[in-house]
Amino acid sequence: MFDKIAGRALVPVGIVVTGFLVVCFVLLYAAIKNVVIHDSVGHANNLAGIVLKSTRYAMLKSDRDLNSTIIRNISEQEGVEHVRIFSKKGIVAFSSKPGEVNRQVDTKAEGCIVCHEKQEPMTTLGNMQKARTFKNSLGKEVLAITAPIYNEPECANAACHVHPASQKVLGILDIGLSQEATLSSLSSIKMQMVLFSLLTLILTTAGVIALIKLSVLVPMQKLQEYTERSEHNSNLKHPANLPYELDKIAKSYYFIRNKLHEIEKKS
C-alpha cells in the first residue's frame, strides 16, 4: 500500500486529521471542564454566602437552637453533604452531624491548611482558595467551601458577645456539596464530544479522500493508462482536462514518444 501514491497520500492525511482532532478534543474538554468546575465553585460560594446571611441574626442573638435548626434544614437539601460552623480555635460549634459538635478540628487538614500553612493565619481568601475536593466515606466526590465568618461592628458591639473589634475572623463555615451531578454532566459532555469527534473524523477523512481522489489520483490514473496504451499506439492523443502539472508531463511524454517513433522509422 505504501509503495503507491494513493497510500502515501491518504494514510498521512488520515493520521494528521486524527491527531488534530485528538488535540482539539483534549483542549476543548479541558476548557469545558474548567468552566464547569469554576461554575460549581461559584455556586458553592453563593450557597455559603446564603448560609452566612441566614445564620447571622441567630449568631447576633446567640440563639443556638435557631442556628442548629437553620443548619439542619440547609443540610437536608438535595446535594448538600455537610454544613458545620467552628470557632477560630477550631472547635465545631454547629454541625449537620451532631457527633461532630465540640470536636477539635485539625488545622493541618486539607480544608484548613490553606489558611494555616503560615504562622499567621490568612484572613482573606479568593473563591478558588476556599474550595477543596475530596472523597467521603462512601467514595463519592465532594466539593467543600471553607468561608471565614468576619467580625462586623454588630458582632463586636453585641452585648452577648466578647469579640474585640481588632479580631478579624470569628469562625469558619464549612459546607460540602455532592459532585455527582457535576461529574455526571462532565461524563455526558465527554461522551458527546467523543461521538462528535468520531463523526467529524469520518466525514473529514472521507471528504479529503474524495478531494484527493478527484483532483490527484483519478488524473494520475488517466496518465498511467495513457502511457501504457501509447506503447502500442504511438498516435494516441494524450488525455484532456488533466491538471496543469500532469498535462505538462503528458505533453512531454507525447513529444518524446513521437520523436522516438520518427527515429525508429528513419533507422
C-alpha atoms as a PDB file:
ATOM      1  CA  MET A   1       0.000   0.000   0.000  1.00  0.00           C
ATOM      2  CA  PHE A   2       2.796   2.454   0.903  1.00  0.00           C
ATOM      3  CA  ASP A   3       4.561   1.819  -2.420  1.00  0.00           C
ATOM      4  CA  LYS A   4       1.673   3.532  -4.224  1.00  0.00           C
ATOM      5  CA  ILE A   5       0.917   7.243  -4.318  1.00  0.00           C
ATOM      6  CA  ALA A   6      -2.613   6.625  -3.018  1.00  0.00           C
ATOM      7  CA  GLY A   7      -1.288   5.030   0.144  1.00  0.00           C
ATOM      8  CA  ARG A   8       1.413   7.634   0.631  1.00  0.00           C
ATOM      9  CA  ALA A   9      -1.117  10.440   0.185  1.00  0.00           C
ATOM     10  CA  LEU A  10      -4.126   9.136   2.103  1.00  0.00           C
ATOM     11  CA  VAL A  11      -2.520   7.469   5.139  1.00  0.00           C
ATOM     12  CA  PRO A  12      -0.594  10.588   6.296  1.00  0.00           C
ATOM     13  CA  VAL A  13      -3.729  12.669   5.781  1.00  0.00           C
ATOM     14  CA  GLY A  14      -5.715  10.288   7.996  1.00  0.00           C
ATOM     15  CA  ILE A  15      -3.012  10.367  10.680  1.00  0.00           C
ATOM     16  CA  VAL A  16      -2.779  14.180  10.623  1.00  0.00           C
ATOM     17  CA  VAL A  17      -6.556  14.646  10.770  1.00  0.00           C
ATOM     18  CA  THR A  18      -6.857  12.134  13.609  1.00  0.00           C
ATOM     19  CA  GLY A  19      -4.050  13.780  15.595  1.00  0.00           C
ATOM     20  CA  PHE A  20      -5.532  17.235  15.039  1.00  0.00           C
ATOM     21  CA  LEU A  21      -8.967  16.136  16.263  1.00  0.00           C
ATOM     22  CA  VAL A  22      -7.499  14.388  19.328  1.00  0.00           C
ATOM     23  CA  VAL A  23      -5.579  17.525  20.331  1.00  0.00           C
ATOM     24  CA  CYS A  24      -8.649  19.722  19.769  1.00  0.00           C
ATOM     25  CA  PHE A  25     -10.799  17.296  21.783  1.00  0.00           C
ATOM     26  CA  VAL A  26      -8.384  17.295  24.737  1.00  0.00           C
ATOM     27  CA  LEU A  27      -8.015  21.090  24.766  1.00  0.00           C
ATOM     28  CA  LEU A  28     -11.751  21.729  24.351  1.00  0.00           C
ATOM     29  CA  TYR A  29     -12.739  19.224  27.027  1.00  0.00           C
ATOM     30  CA  ALA A  30     -10.167  20.694  29.438  1.00  0.00           C
ATOM     31  CA  ALA A  31     -11.591  24.181  28.815  1.00  0.00           C
ATOM     32  CA  ILE A  32     -15.188  22.976  29.308  1.00  0.00           C
ATOM     33  CA  LYS A  33     -14.237  21.078  32.465  1.00  0.00           C
ATOM     34  CA  ASN A  34     -12.511  24.181  33.838  1.00  0.00           C
ATOM     35  CA  VAL A  35     -15.635  26.285  33.192  1.00  0.00           C
ATOM     36  CA  VAL A  36     -17.903  23.691  34.826  1.00  0.00           C
ATOM     37  CA  ILE A  37     -15.649  23.463  37.897  1.00  0.00           C
ATOM     38  CA  HIS A  38     -15.495  27.257  38.240  1.00  0.00           C
ATOM     39  CA  ASP A  39     -19.288  27.412  37.969  1.00  0.00           C
ATOM     40  CA  SER A  40     -19.614  24.726  40.656  1.00  0.00           C
ATOM     41  CA  VAL A  41     -17.256  26.618  42.942  1.00  0.00           C
ATOM     42  CA  GLY A  42     -19.159  29.857  42.272  1.00  0.00           C
ATOM     43  CA  HIS A  43     -22.452  28.131  43.119  1.00  0.00           C
ATOM     44  CA  ALA A  44     -20.960  26.694  46.313  1.00  0.00           C
ATOM     45  CA  ASN A  45     -19.617  30.108  47.339  1.00  0.00           C
ATOM     46  CA  ASN A  46     -23.021  31.673  46.732  1.00  0.00           C
ATOM     47  CA  LEU A  47     -24.626  28.993  48.885  1.00  0.00           C
ATOM     48  CA  ALA A  48     -22.047  29.613  51.604  1.00  0.00           C
ATOM     49  CA  GLY A  49     -22.928  33.308  51.492  1.00  0.00           C
ATOM     50  CA  ILE A  50     -26.628  32.467  51.864  1.00  0.00           C
ATOM     51  CA  VAL A  51     -25.856  30.268  54.892  1.00  0.00           C
ATOM     52  CA  LEU A  52     -23.794  33.037  56.498  1.00  0.00           C
ATOM     53  CA  LYS A  53     -26.589  35.555  55.996  1.00  0.00           C
ATOM     54  CA  SER A  54     -29.189  33.078  57.254  1.00  0.00           C
ATOM     55  CA  THR A  55     -27.288  32.375  60.480  1.00  0.00           C
ATOM     56  CA  ARG A  56     -26.132  35.951  61.081  1.00  0.00           C
ATOM     57  CA  TYR A  57     -29.205  37.014  63.057  1.00  0.00           C
ATOM     58  CA  ALA A  58     -29.166  33.873  65.200  1.00  0.00           C
ATOM     59  CA  MET A  59     -25.465  34.423  65.942  1.00  0.00           C
ATOM     60  CA  LEU A  60     -26.060  38.036  66.964  1.00  0.00           C
ATOM     61  CA  LYS A  61     -28.804  36.864  69.335  1.00  0.00           C
ATOM     62  CA  SER A  62     -26.678  33.912  70.464  1.00  0.00           C
ATOM     63  CA  ASP A  63     -29.618  31.639  69.645  1.00  0.00           C
ATOM     64  CA  ARG A  64     -28.055  28.170  69.360  1.00  0.00           C
ATOM     65  CA  ASP A  65     -31.373  26.426  68.743  1.00  0.00           C
ATOM     66  CA  LEU A  66     -32.200  28.669  65.794  1.00  0.00           C
ATOM     67  CA  ASN A  67     -28.698  28.238  64.381  1.00  0.00           C
ATOM     68  CA  SER A  68     -28.915  24.471  64.693  1.00  0.00           C
ATOM     69  CA  THR A  69     -32.333  24.454  63.008  1.00  0.00           C
ATOM     70  CA  ILE A  70     -31.077  26.570  60.084  1.00  0.00           C
ATOM     71  CA  ILE A  71     -28.040  24.354  59.559  1.00  0.00           C
ATOM     72  CA  ARG A  72     -30.129  21.186  59.811  1.00  0.00           C
ATOM     73  CA  ASN A  73     -32.667  22.492  57.266  1.00  0.00           C
ATOM     74  CA  ILE A  74     -29.927  23.502  54.825  1.00  0.00           C
ATOM     75  CA  SER A  75     -28.179  20.131  55.153  1.00  0.00           C
ATOM     76  CA  GLU A  76     -31.412  18.369  54.210  1.00  0.00           C
ATOM     77  CA  GLN A  77     -31.378  19.983  50.763  1.00  0.00           C
ATOM     78  CA  GLU A  78     -30.508  17.705  47.855  1.00  0.00           C
ATOM     79  CA  GLY A  79     -26.783  17.609  47.123  1.00  0.00           C
ATOM     80  CA  VAL A  80     -25.652  19.083  50.471  1.00  0.00           C
ATOM     81  CA  GLU A  81     -23.236  16.663  52.169  1.00  0.00           C
ATOM     82  CA  HIS A  82     -22.474  18.591  55.357  1.00  0.00           C
ATOM     83  CA  VAL A  83     -22.698  22.015  56.990  1.00  0.00           C
ATOM     84  CA  ARG A  84     -20.646  22.967  60.011  1.00  0.00           C
ATOM     85  CA  ILE A  85     -19.506  26.093  61.806  1.00  0.00           C
ATOM     86  CA  PHE A  86     -16.463  26.071  64.039  1.00  0.00           C
ATOM     87  CA  SER A  87     -14.801  28.741  66.115  1.00  0.00           C
ATOM     88  CA  LYS A  88     -11.491  30.413  65.350  1.00  0.00           C
ATOM     89  CA  LYS A  89      -9.862  27.931  67.732  1.00  0.00           C
ATOM     90  CA  GLY A  90     -11.081  25.078  65.542  1.00  0.00           C
ATOM     91  CA  ILE A  91     -13.848  23.713  67.775  1.00  0.00           C
ATOM     92  CA  VAL A  92     -17.047  22.675  65.986  1.00  0.00           C
ATOM     93  CA  ALA A  93     -19.891  24.811  67.356  1.00  0.00           C
ATOM     94  CA  PHE A  94     -22.671  23.726  64.981  1.00  0.00           C
ATOM     95  CA  SER A  95     -22.878  20.823  62.578  1.00  0.00           C
ATOM     96  CA  SER A  96     -25.394  18.924  60.480  1.00  0.00           C
ATOM     97  CA  LYS A  97     -23.798  15.836  62.055  1.00  0.00           C
ATOM     98  CA  PRO A  98     -24.436  16.065  65.832  1.00  0.00           C
ATOM     99  CA  GLY A  99     -21.477  13.813  66.629  1.00  0.00           C
ATOM    100  CA  GLU A 100     -19.046  16.481  65.410  1.00  0.00           C
ATOM    101  CA  VAL A 101     -20.181  19.207  67.840  1.00  0.00           C
ATOM    102  CA  ASN A 102     -17.474  20.290  70.315  1.00  0.00           C
ATOM    103  CA  ARG A 103     -14.863  18.305  68.380  1.00  0.00           C
ATOM    104  CA  GLN A 104     -11.453  19.906  67.711  1.00  0.00           C
ATOM    105  CA  VAL A 105     -10.608  20.358  64.034  1.00  0.00           C
ATOM    106  CA  ASP A 106      -7.079  19.576  62.826  1.00  0.00           C
ATOM    107  CA  THR A 107      -5.638  22.810  61.378  1.00  0.00           C
ATOM    108  CA  LYS A 108      -3.358  20.697  59.161  1.00  0.00           C
ATOM    109  CA  ALA A 109      -6.356  19.059  57.472  1.00  0.00           C
ATOM    110  CA  GLU A 110      -6.958  19.716  53.760  1.00  0.00           C
ATOM    111  CA  GLY A 111      -9.605  22.377  54.303  1.00  0.00           C
ATOM    112  CA  CYS A 112      -7.620  24.248  56.958  1.00  0.00           C
ATOM    113  CA  ILE A 113      -4.031  24.144  55.736  1.00  0.00           C
ATOM    114  CA  VAL A 114      -4.748  26.830  53.107  1.00  0.00           C
ATOM    115  CA  CYS A 115      -5.170  29.431  55.861  1.00  0.00           C
ATOM    116  CA  HIS A 116      -2.894  27.863  58.487  1.00  0.00           C
ATOM    117  CA  GLU A 117       0.162  26.941  56.423  1.00  0.00           C
ATOM    118  CA  LYS A 118       1.915  30.067  57.770  1.00  0.00           C
ATOM    119  CA  GLN A 119       2.432  31.089  61.371  1.00  0.00           C
ATOM    120  CA  GLU A 120      -0.077  33.931  60.956  1.00  0.00           C
ATOM    121  CA  PRO A 121      -3.360  32.543  59.537  1.00  0.00           C
ATOM    122  CA  MET A 122      -4.776  34.116  56.375  1.00  0.00           C
ATOM    123  CA  THR A 123      -7.941  36.140  56.851  1.00  0.00           C
ATOM    124  CA  THR A 124      -8.897  36.706  53.205  1.00  0.00           C
ATOM    125  CA  LEU A 125      -9.390  34.005  50.573  1.00  0.00           C
ATOM    126  CA  GLY A 126     -10.370  34.027  46.909  1.00  0.00           C
ATOM    127  CA  ASN A 127     -13.232  31.892  45.657  1.00  0.00           C
ATOM    128  CA  MET A 128     -10.959  29.120  44.354  1.00  0.00           C
ATOM    129  CA  GLN A 129      -8.835  29.148  47.544  1.00  0.00           C
ATOM    130  CA  LYS A 130     -11.966  28.487  49.599  1.00  0.00           C
ATOM    131  CA  ALA A 131     -12.735  25.343  47.600  1.00  0.00           C
ATOM    132  CA  ARG A 132     -11.421  21.815  48.040  1.00  0.00           C
ATOM    133  CA  THR A 133     -12.484  18.436  46.721  1.00  0.00           C
ATOM    134  CA  PHE A 134     -12.262  15.076  48.450  1.00  0.00           C
ATOM    135  CA  LYS A 135     -13.992  11.695  48.631  1.00  0.00           C
ATOM    136  CA  ASN A 136     -16.292  10.974  51.550  1.00  0.00           C
ATOM    137  CA  SER A 137     -16.594   7.683  53.424  1.00  0.00           C
ATOM    138  CA  LEU A 138     -18.820   6.328  50.626  1.00  0.00           C
ATOM    139  CA  GLY A 139     -16.216   7.132  47.993  1.00  0.00           C
ATOM    140  CA  LYS A 140     -18.261   9.960  46.452  1.00  0.00           C
ATOM    141  CA  GLU A 141     -16.681  13.183  45.238  1.00  0.00           C
ATOM    142  CA  VAL A 142     -17.454  16.219  47.410  1.00  0.00           C
ATOM    143  CA  LEU A 143     -16.779  19.917  46.782  1.00  0.00           C
ATOM    144  CA  ALA A 144     -16.360  21.793  50.058  1.00  0.00           C
ATOM    145  CA  ILE A 145     -16.183  25.527  50.690  1.00  0.00           C
ATOM    146  CA  THR A 146     -14.414  26.971  53.715  1.00  0.00           C
ATOM    147  CA  ALA A 147     -15.659  30.528  54.262  1.00  0.00           C
ATOM    148  CA  PRO A 148     -14.416  32.798  57.066  1.00  0.00           C
ATOM    149  CA  ILE A 149     -17.015  34.429  59.312  1.00  0.00           C
ATOM    150  CA  TYR A 150     -15.784  38.006  59.647  1.00  0.00           C
ATOM    151  CA  ASN A 151     -16.169  40.238  62.679  1.00  0.00           C
ATOM    152  CA  GLU A 152     -18.612  43.047  61.936  1.00  0.00           C
ATOM    153  CA  PRO A 153     -19.410  46.117  64.074  1.00  0.00           C
ATOM    154  CA  GLU A 154     -22.674  44.482  65.164  1.00  0.00           C
ATOM    155  CA  CYS A 155     -20.693  41.474  66.413  1.00  0.00           C
ATOM    156  CA  ALA A 156     -18.064  43.457  68.285  1.00  0.00           C
ATOM    157  CA  ASN A 157     -20.693  45.702  69.903  1.00  0.00           C
ATOM    158  CA  ALA A 158     -23.237  42.993  70.733  1.00  0.00           C
ATOM    159  CA  ALA A 159     -23.944  42.705  74.463  1.00  0.00           C
ATOM    160  CA  CYS A 160     -23.868  38.905  74.417  1.00  0.00           C
ATOM    161  CA  HIS A 161     -20.520  38.574  72.621  1.00  0.00           C
ATOM    162  CA  VAL A 162     -16.967  39.191  73.649  1.00  0.00           C
ATOM    163  CA  HIS A 163     -15.305  39.898  70.339  1.00  0.00           C
ATOM    164  CA  PRO A 164     -12.901  42.844  70.221  1.00  0.00           C
ATOM    165  CA  ALA A 165     -13.051  44.953  67.066  1.00  0.00           C
ATOM    166  CA  SER A 166      -9.419  44.003  66.327  1.00  0.00           C
ATOM    167  CA  GLN A 167     -10.381  40.345  65.819  1.00  0.00           C
ATOM    168  CA  LYS A 168     -10.987  39.937  62.091  1.00  0.00           C
ATOM    169  CA  VAL A 169     -12.273  36.356  61.962  1.00  0.00           C
ATOM    170  CA  LEU A 170     -14.787  34.926  64.443  1.00  0.00           C
ATOM    171  CA  GLY A 171     -15.086  31.447  62.971  1.00  0.00           C
ATOM    172  CA  ILE A 172     -15.362  29.341  59.857  1.00  0.00           C
ATOM    173  CA  LEU A 173     -18.279  27.988  57.854  1.00  0.00           C
ATOM    174  CA  ASP A 174     -17.613  24.675  56.117  1.00  0.00           C
ATOM    175  CA  ILE A 175     -20.176  23.413  53.620  1.00  0.00           C
ATOM    176  CA  GLY A 176     -19.820  20.373  51.370  1.00  0.00           C
ATOM    177  CA  LEU A 177     -21.765  19.681  48.175  1.00  0.00           C
ATOM    178  CA  SER A 178     -22.027  16.412  46.274  1.00  0.00           C
ATOM    179  CA  GLN A 179     -20.303  16.438  42.892  1.00  0.00           C
ATOM    180  CA  GLU A 180     -22.352  13.586  41.441  1.00  0.00           C
ATOM    181  CA  ALA A 181     -24.426  15.869  39.205  1.00  0.00           C
ATOM    182  CA  THR A 182     -21.342  17.767  38.009  1.00  0.00           C
ATOM    183  CA  LEU A 183     -19.370  14.598  37.287  1.00  0.00           C
ATOM    184  CA  SER A 184     -22.382  13.111  35.503  1.00  0.00           C
ATOM    185  CA  SER A 185     -22.644  16.226  33.320  1.00  0.00           C
ATOM    186  CA  LEU A 186     -18.921  16.098  32.517  1.00  0.00           C
ATOM    187  CA  SER A 187     -19.197  12.422  31.633  1.00  0.00           C
ATOM    188  CA  SER A 188     -22.129  13.161  29.328  1.00  0.00           C
ATOM    189  CA  ILE A 189     -20.231  16.038  27.709  1.00  0.00           C
ATOM    190  CA  LYS A 190     -17.189  13.807  27.190  1.00  0.00           C
ATOM    191  CA  MET A 191     -19.281  11.072  25.553  1.00  0.00           C
ATOM    192  CA  GLN A 192     -20.990  13.562  23.242  1.00  0.00           C
ATOM    193  CA  MET A 193     -17.631  15.087  22.317  1.00  0.00           C
ATOM    194  CA  VAL A 194     -16.171  11.644  21.570  1.00  0.00           C
ATOM    195  CA  LEU A 195     -19.111  10.808  19.284  1.00  0.00           C
ATOM    196  CA  PHE A 196     -18.910  14.218  17.620  1.00  0.00           C
ATOM    197  CA  SER A 197     -15.132  13.841  17.138  1.00  0.00           C
ATOM    198  CA  LEU A 198     -15.557  10.382  15.584  1.00  0.00           C
ATOM    199  CA  LEU A 199     -18.264  11.678  13.256  1.00  0.00           C
ATOM    200  CA  THR A 200     -16.098  14.683  12.319  1.00  0.00           C
ATOM    201  CA  LEU A 201     -13.105  12.387  11.746  1.00  0.00           C
ATOM    202  CA  ILE A 202     -15.092  10.099   9.461  1.00  0.00           C
ATOM    203  CA  LEU A 203     -16.659  12.956   7.464  1.00  0.00           C
ATOM    204  CA  THR A 204     -13.397  14.933   7.236  1.00  0.00           C
ATOM    205  CA  THR A 205     -11.345  11.916   6.188  1.00  0.00           C
ATOM    206  CA  ALA A 206     -13.972  10.880   3.624  1.00  0.00           C
ATOM    207  CA  GLY A 207     -14.094  14.438   2.243  1.00  0.00           C
ATOM    208  CA  VAL A 208     -10.294  14.725   1.995  1.00  0.00           C
ATOM    209  CA  ILE A 209     -10.033  11.299   0.354  1.00  0.00           C
ATOM    210  CA  ALA A 210     -12.716  12.251  -2.165  1.00  0.00           C
ATOM    211  CA  LEU A 211     -10.971  15.537  -2.993  1.00  0.00           C
ATOM    212  CA  ILE A 212      -7.545  13.900  -3.341  1.00  0.00           C
ATOM    213  CA  LYS A 213      -9.020  11.145  -5.465  1.00  0.00           C
ATOM    214  CA  LEU A 214     -10.803  13.563  -7.818  1.00  0.00           C
ATOM    215  CA  SER A 215      -8.002  16.119  -8.083  1.00  0.00           C
ATOM    216  CA  VAL A 216      -4.916  13.867  -7.994  1.00  0.00           C
ATOM    217  CA  LEU A 217      -5.476  10.114  -8.116  1.00  0.00           C
ATOM    218  CA  VAL A 218      -8.015   9.961 -10.974  1.00  0.00           C
ATOM    219  CA  PRO A 219      -5.922  12.259 -13.256  1.00  0.00           C
ATOM    220  CA  MET A 220      -2.803  10.248 -12.439  1.00  0.00           C
ATOM    221  CA  GLN A 221      -4.638   7.040 -13.265  1.00  0.00           C
ATOM    222  CA  LYS A 222      -5.588   8.560 -16.639  1.00  0.00           C
ATOM    223  CA  LEU A 223      -1.963   9.492 -17.225  1.00  0.00           C
ATOM    224  CA  GLN A 224      -0.841   5.974 -16.324  1.00  0.00           C
ATOM    225  CA  GLU A 225      -3.410   4.404 -18.664  1.00  0.00           C
ATOM    226  CA  TYR A 226      -2.317   6.792 -21.419  1.00  0.00           C
ATOM    227  CA  THR A 227       1.369   5.844 -21.104  1.00  0.00           C
ATOM    228  CA  GLU A 228       0.521   2.156 -21.075  1.00  0.00           C
ATOM    229  CA  ARG A 229      -1.727   2.363 -24.137  1.00  0.00           C
ATOM    230  CA  SER A 230       0.651   4.636 -26.060  1.00  0.00           C
ATOM    231  CA  GLU A 231       3.280   1.881 -26.039  1.00  0.00           C
ATOM    232  CA  HIS A 232       1.126   0.025 -28.537  1.00  0.00           C
ATOM    233  CA  ASN A 233      -0.368   3.040 -30.304  1.00  0.00           C
ATOM    234  CA  SER A 234       2.047   5.897 -30.972  1.00  0.00           C
ATOM    235  CA  ASN A 235      -0.703   8.090 -32.460  1.00  0.00           C
ATOM    236  CA  LEU A 236      -2.749   8.051 -29.283  1.00  0.00           C
ATOM    237  CA  LYS A 237      -3.545  11.569 -28.108  1.00  0.00           C
ATOM    238  CA  HIS A 238      -2.811  12.489 -24.520  1.00  0.00           C
ATOM    239  CA  PRO A 239      -5.891  12.788 -22.256  1.00  0.00           C
ATOM    240  CA  ALA A 240      -7.579  16.164 -21.886  1.00  0.00           C
ATOM    241  CA  ASN A 241      -8.648  18.023 -18.740  1.00  0.00           C
ATOM    242  CA  LEU A 242      -5.578  16.986 -16.760  1.00  0.00           C
ATOM    243  CA  PRO A 243      -4.219  19.269 -14.019  1.00  0.00           C
ATOM    244  CA  TYR A 244      -1.516  21.656 -15.239  1.00  0.00           C
ATOM    245  CA  GLU A 245       1.463  19.630 -13.972  1.00  0.00           C
ATOM    246  CA  LEU A 246       0.145  16.289 -15.237  1.00  0.00           C
ATOM    247  CA  ASP A 247      -0.841  17.876 -18.553  1.00  0.00           C
ATOM    248  CA  LYS A 248       2.757  19.078 -18.991  1.00  0.00           C
ATOM    249  CA  ILE A 249       4.028  15.574 -18.244  1.00  0.00           C
ATOM    250  CA  ALA A 250       1.579  14.048 -20.729  1.00  0.00           C
ATOM    251  CA  LYS A 251       2.608  16.521 -23.468  1.00  0.00           C
ATOM    252  CA  SER A 252       6.292  15.893 -22.796  1.00  0.00           C
ATOM    253  CA  TYR A 253       5.751  12.157 -22.940  1.00  0.00           C
ATOM    254  CA  TYR A 254       3.739  12.552 -26.168  1.00  0.00           C
ATOM    255  CA  PHE A 255       6.531  14.659 -27.698  1.00  0.00           C
ATOM    256  CA  ILE A 256       9.282  12.217 -26.695  1.00  0.00           C
ATOM    257  CA  ARG A 257       7.225   9.268 -27.882  1.00  0.00           C
ATOM    258  CA  ASN A 258       6.727  10.869 -31.295  1.00  0.00           C
ATOM    259  CA  LYS A 259      10.443  11.690 -31.606  1.00  0.00           C
ATOM    260  CA  LEU A 260      11.392   8.129 -30.768  1.00  0.00           C
ATOM    261  CA  HIS A 261       8.854   6.851 -33.275  1.00  0.00           C
ATOM    262  CA  GLU A 262      10.347   9.107 -36.006  1.00  0.00           C
ATOM    263  CA  ILE A 263      13.859   7.899 -35.199  1.00  0.00           C
ATOM    264  CA  GLU A 264      12.683   4.287 -35.396  1.00  0.00           C
ATOM    265  CA  LYS A 265      11.151   4.948 -38.831  1.00  0.00           C
ATOM    266  CA  LYS A 266      14.357   6.532 -40.182  1.00  0.00           C
ATOM    267  CA  SER A 267      16.501   3.717 -38.916  1.00  0.00           C
END
